[in-house]
Amino acid sequence: MILSTERLEPGQILRTDVIVRGTVLAKAGARLTKSMIARLQKWDVPRVDVEGEEEEPEPAPKPQAVPLAENPDYLHERRELETLFATTADDAQMALLKSCFLHVLKEKYGG
């Protein structure tokens, strides 16, 4: 069964080798000890395959980002920018500045 290294217990047996960046940290068939579990965690191994029947569920997928056109916070801030720059439409430098602010705003909201 696949378990996160946070849920491992001494005495469990690995079903597969644990290899990180080309280094074998533990061989298949090894019985886990406290120090082996600590070593796996130190190397940031997220999960390993140990003998057993139940499989740990996969982590839930990350929620999808709200499209910018539907994000009320983004729309509010964009309206504020449009208001601030409404009287500067003929100024090339202000148009460039507005474009930079809009780019930062899109990045902020994942657009």
Protein backbone atom coordinates (compact mmCIF):
# COMPACT_ATOMS: atom_id res chain seq x y z
CA MET A 1 0.00 0.00 0.00
CA ILE A 2 1.13 3.54 -0.69
CA LEU A 3 1.57 5.62 2.48
CA SER A 4 2.85 9.10 3.13
CA THR A 5 6.11 9.06 5.08
CA GLU A 6 4.25 10.82 7.91
CA ARG A 7 2.10 7.68 8.37
CA LEU A 8 4.92 5.11 8.29
CA GLU A 9 5.54 2.95 11.35
CA PRO A 10 8.59 0.93 12.39
CA GLY A 11 8.27 -2.69 11.31
CA GLN A 12 6.55 -2.07 7.99
CA ILE A 13 8.24 -3.64 4.96
CA LEU A 14 9.01 -1.78 1.75
CA ARG A 15 7.63 -3.28 -1.47
CA THR A 16 9.86 -1.20 -3.75
CA ASP A 17 13.24 0.52 -3.61
CA VAL A 18 13.17 4.14 -2.51
CA ILE A 19 15.43 6.12 -4.84
CA VAL A 20 15.90 9.88 -4.67
CA ARG A 21 18.07 11.74 -7.21
CA GLY A 22 19.84 8.49 -8.05
CA THR A 23 20.54 7.57 -4.42
CA VAL A 24 19.00 4.38 -3.02
CA LEU A 25 17.70 5.34 0.40
CA ALA A 26 16.13 1.96 1.14
CA LYS A 27 15.82 -1.37 -0.68
CA ALA A 28 12.65 -3.32 -1.35
CA GLY A 29 12.10 -5.84 1.45
CA ALA A 30 13.69 -3.63 4.09
CA ARG A 31 11.92 -3.51 7.44
CA LEU A 32 11.46 0.13 8.42
CA THR A 33 13.03 1.47 11.59
CA LYS A 34 12.54 4.86 13.26
CA SER A 35 15.85 6.06 11.84
CA MET A 36 14.96 4.90 8.31
CA ILE A 37 11.62 6.74 8.48
CA ALA A 38 13.41 9.88 9.71
CA ARG A 39 15.87 9.59 6.81
CA LEU A 40 13.05 9.31 4.27
CA GLN A 41 11.38 12.38 5.76
CA LYS A 42 14.68 14.29 5.81
CA TRP A 43 15.07 13.60 2.08
CA ASP A 44 11.49 14.89 1.51
CA VAL A 45 10.18 11.55 0.24
CA PRO A 46 6.40 12.15 0.07
CA ARG A 47 5.21 8.53 0.04
CA VAL A 48 6.44 4.95 -0.26
CA ASP A 49 5.03 1.53 -1.12
CA VAL A 50 4.85 -0.82 1.87
CA GLU A 51 3.35 -4.28 2.26
CA GLY A 52 -0.34 -4.18 3.10
CA GLU A 53 -3.74 -4.18 1.41
CA GLU A 54 -5.25 -0.70 1.62
CA GLU A 55 -4.03 2.10 -0.60
CA GLU A 56 -3.97 5.66 0.66
CA PRO A 57 -6.23 7.82 -1.49
CA GLU A 58 -4.57 10.18 -3.93
CA PRO A 59 -4.53 13.80 -2.81
CA ALA A 60 -7.52 15.79 -3.99
CA PRO A 61 -6.86 17.83 -7.12
CA LYS A 62 -6.20 21.51 -6.61
CA PRO A 63 -9.28 23.63 -7.15
CA GLN A 64 -9.51 25.29 -10.54
CA ALA A 65 -8.79 28.98 -10.60
CA VAL A 66 -11.77 31.26 -11.19
CA PRO A 67 -11.54 32.84 -14.66
CA LEU A 68 -10.62 36.52 -14.44
CA ALA A 69 -13.88 37.56 -16.09
CA GLU A 70 -15.76 35.90 -13.20
CA ASN A 71 -13.49 36.90 -10.31
CA PRO A 72 -15.21 39.72 -8.35
CA ASP A 73 -11.99 40.85 -6.65
CA TYR A 74 -10.15 41.12 -9.96
CA LEU A 75 -13.09 42.93 -11.59
CA HIS A 76 -13.30 45.39 -8.69
CA GLU A 77 -9.59 46.22 -8.83
CA ARG A 78 -9.69 46.50 -12.61
CA ARG A 79 -12.60 48.98 -12.40
CA GLU A 80 -10.60 51.02 -9.88
CA LEU A 81 -7.63 51.10 -12.29
CA GLU A 82 -9.86 52.13 -15.17
CA THR A 83 -11.26 54.97 -13.03
CA LEU A 84 -7.81 56.14 -11.95
CA PHE A 85 -6.52 56.23 -15.53
CA ALA A 86 -9.74 57.48 -17.20
CA THR A 87 -8.45 61.03 -17.70
CA THR A 88 -5.02 59.98 -18.99
CA ALA A 89 -6.02 58.25 -22.23
CA ASP A 90 -3.95 60.59 -24.42
CA ASP A 91 -0.74 60.27 -22.38
CA ALA A 92 1.56 57.52 -23.73
CA GLN A 93 3.52 57.19 -20.48
CA MET A 94 0.35 56.85 -18.44
CA ALA A 95 -0.99 54.28 -20.92
CA LEU A 96 2.22 52.29 -20.42
CA LEU A 97 1.90 52.59 -16.65
CA LYS A 98 -1.74 51.46 -16.82
CA SER A 99 -0.71 48.47 -18.93
CA CYS A 100 1.94 47.52 -16.33
CA PHE A 101 -0.62 47.74 -13.52
CA LEU A 102 -3.06 45.58 -15.49
CA HIS A 103 -0.34 42.98 -16.08
CA VAL A 104 0.48 42.87 -12.34
CA LEU A 105 -3.23 42.61 -11.54
CA LYS A 106 -3.64 39.64 -13.91
CA GLU A 107 -0.61 37.92 -12.36
CA LYS A 108 -2.02 38.51 -8.88
CA TYR A 109 -5.24 36.70 -9.78
CA GLY A 110 -3.64 33.93 -11.85
CA GLY A 111 -4.49 35.20 -15.30
